[in-house]
Amino acid sequence: MPAKPARQALKTFSALGVYGASVVTALTAQSTRGVQAIHAPPPEFVRAQMRSVLDDLSVGAIKT
């Protein structure tokens, strides 16, 4: 999810009285003219982020 929609989703969660957390699945180098590069972290790192969130918070739903 690009940064702006992700921030909007977290604001919506907050407005509904729930807490949102995120896991980064890709990083981009971009400007107003386009995306110059994309980096996908290794799956082990994404799993580690997910474990960190799931171990820390009581998760009632996951949005993909």
C-alpha atoms as a PDB file:
ATOM      1  CA  MET A   1       0.000   0.000   0.000  1.00  0.00           C
ATOM      2  CA  PRO A   2       1.539   3.381  -0.911  1.00  0.00           C
ATOM      3  CA  ALA A   3       2.283   5.671   2.008  1.00  0.00           C
ATOM      4  CA  LYS A   4      -0.624   8.071   1.517  1.00  0.00           C
ATOM      5  CA  PRO A   5      -3.364   5.376   1.416  1.00  0.00           C
ATOM      6  CA  ALA A   6      -1.697   3.654   4.376  1.00  0.00           C
ATOM      7  CA  ARG A   7      -1.819   6.891   6.391  1.00  0.00           C
ATOM      8  CA  GLN A   8      -5.446   7.397   5.353  1.00  0.00           C
ATOM      9  CA  ALA A   9      -6.324   3.866   6.483  1.00  0.00           C
ATOM     10  CA  LEU A  10      -4.708   4.476   9.885  1.00  0.00           C
ATOM     11  CA  LYS A  11      -6.669   7.746  10.242  1.00  0.00           C
ATOM     12  CA  THR A  12      -9.884   5.873   9.415  1.00  0.00           C
ATOM     13  CA  PHE A  13      -9.078   3.213  12.011  1.00  0.00           C
ATOM     14  CA  SER A  14      -8.516   5.948  14.592  1.00  0.00           C
ATOM     15  CA  ALA A  15     -11.805   7.662  13.696  1.00  0.00           C
ATOM     16  CA  LEU A  16     -13.549   4.321  14.283  1.00  0.00           C
ATOM     17  CA  GLY A  17     -11.904   3.993  17.694  1.00  0.00           C
ATOM     18  CA  VAL A  18      -9.520   1.160  16.839  1.00  0.00           C
ATOM     19  CA  TYR A  19      -5.735   1.009  16.704  1.00  0.00           C
ATOM     20  CA  GLY A  20      -3.900   0.299  13.450  1.00  0.00           C
ATOM     21  CA  ALA A  21      -0.376  -0.993  12.966  1.00  0.00           C
ATOM     22  CA  SER A  22       1.497  -1.692   9.749  1.00  0.00           C
ATOM     23  CA  VAL A  23       4.117  -4.001   8.283  1.00  0.00           C
ATOM     24  CA  VAL A  24       6.323  -2.657   5.497  1.00  0.00           C
ATOM     25  CA  THR A  25       6.418  -5.013   2.512  1.00  0.00           C
ATOM     26  CA  ALA A  26       8.152  -2.747  -0.029  1.00  0.00           C
ATOM     27  CA  LEU A  27      10.197   0.438  -0.103  1.00  0.00           C
ATOM     28  CA  THR A  28      10.240   2.809  -3.048  1.00  0.00           C
ATOM     29  CA  ALA A  29      12.490   5.567  -4.287  1.00  0.00           C
ATOM     30  CA  GLN A  30      10.114   7.952  -5.992  1.00  0.00           C
ATOM     31  CA  SER A  31       9.424  11.519  -6.948  1.00  0.00           C
ATOM     32  CA  THR A  32       6.523  13.396  -8.489  1.00  0.00           C
ATOM     33  CA  ARG A  33       7.725  12.070 -11.859  1.00  0.00           C
ATOM     34  CA  GLY A  34       7.560   8.385 -11.009  1.00  0.00           C
ATOM     35  CA  VAL A  35       9.102   5.446  -9.215  1.00  0.00           C
ATOM     36  CA  GLN A  36      12.826   5.003  -9.779  1.00  0.00           C
ATOM     37  CA  ALA A  37      13.428   1.896  -7.664  1.00  0.00           C
ATOM     38  CA  ILE A  38      11.592  -0.684  -5.566  1.00  0.00           C
ATOM     39  CA  HIS A  39      13.095  -2.777  -2.773  1.00  0.00           C
ATOM     40  CA  ALA A  40      11.215  -5.754  -1.356  1.00  0.00           C
ATOM     41  CA  PRO A  41      12.611  -6.789   2.033  1.00  0.00           C
ATOM     42  CA  PRO A  42      13.364 -10.502   2.406  1.00  0.00           C
ATOM     43  CA  PRO A  43      10.321 -12.583   3.456  1.00  0.00           C
ATOM     44  CA  GLU A  44      12.047 -13.412   6.764  1.00  0.00           C
ATOM     45  CA  PHE A  45      12.117  -9.693   7.608  1.00  0.00           C
ATOM     46  CA  VAL A  46       8.429  -9.245   6.757  1.00  0.00           C
ATOM     47  CA  ARG A  47       7.616 -12.266   8.964  1.00  0.00           C
ATOM     48  CA  ALA A  48       9.701 -10.770  11.788  1.00  0.00           C
ATOM     49  CA  GLN A  49       7.742  -7.504  11.538  1.00  0.00           C
ATOM     50  CA  MET A  50       4.458  -9.412  11.622  1.00  0.00           C
ATOM     51  CA  ARG A  51       5.569 -11.460  14.636  1.00  0.00           C
ATOM     52  CA  SER A  52       6.557  -8.265  16.439  1.00  0.00           C
ATOM     53  CA  VAL A  53       3.119  -6.718  15.909  1.00  0.00           C
ATOM     54  CA  LEU A  54       1.199  -9.910  16.689  1.00  0.00           C
ATOM     55  CA  ASP A  55       3.245 -10.533  19.864  1.00  0.00           C
ATOM     56  CA  ASP A  56       2.680  -6.959  21.055  1.00  0.00           C
ATOM     57  CA  LEU A  57      -0.968  -6.240  20.247  1.00  0.00           C
ATOM     58  CA  SER A  58      -4.273  -8.056  20.519  1.00  0.00           C
ATOM     59  CA  VAL A  59      -5.149  -8.317  16.828  1.00  0.00           C
ATOM     60  CA  GLY A  60      -8.833  -8.513  15.918  1.00  0.00           C
ATOM     61  CA  ALA A  61      -8.465  -8.130  12.140  1.00  0.00           C
ATOM     62  CA  ILE A  62      -5.861  -7.911   9.399  1.00  0.00           C
ATOM     63  CA  LYS A  63      -6.235  -5.672   6.342  1.00  0.00           C
ATOM     64  CA  THR A  64      -4.164  -6.562   3.288  1.00  0.00           C
END
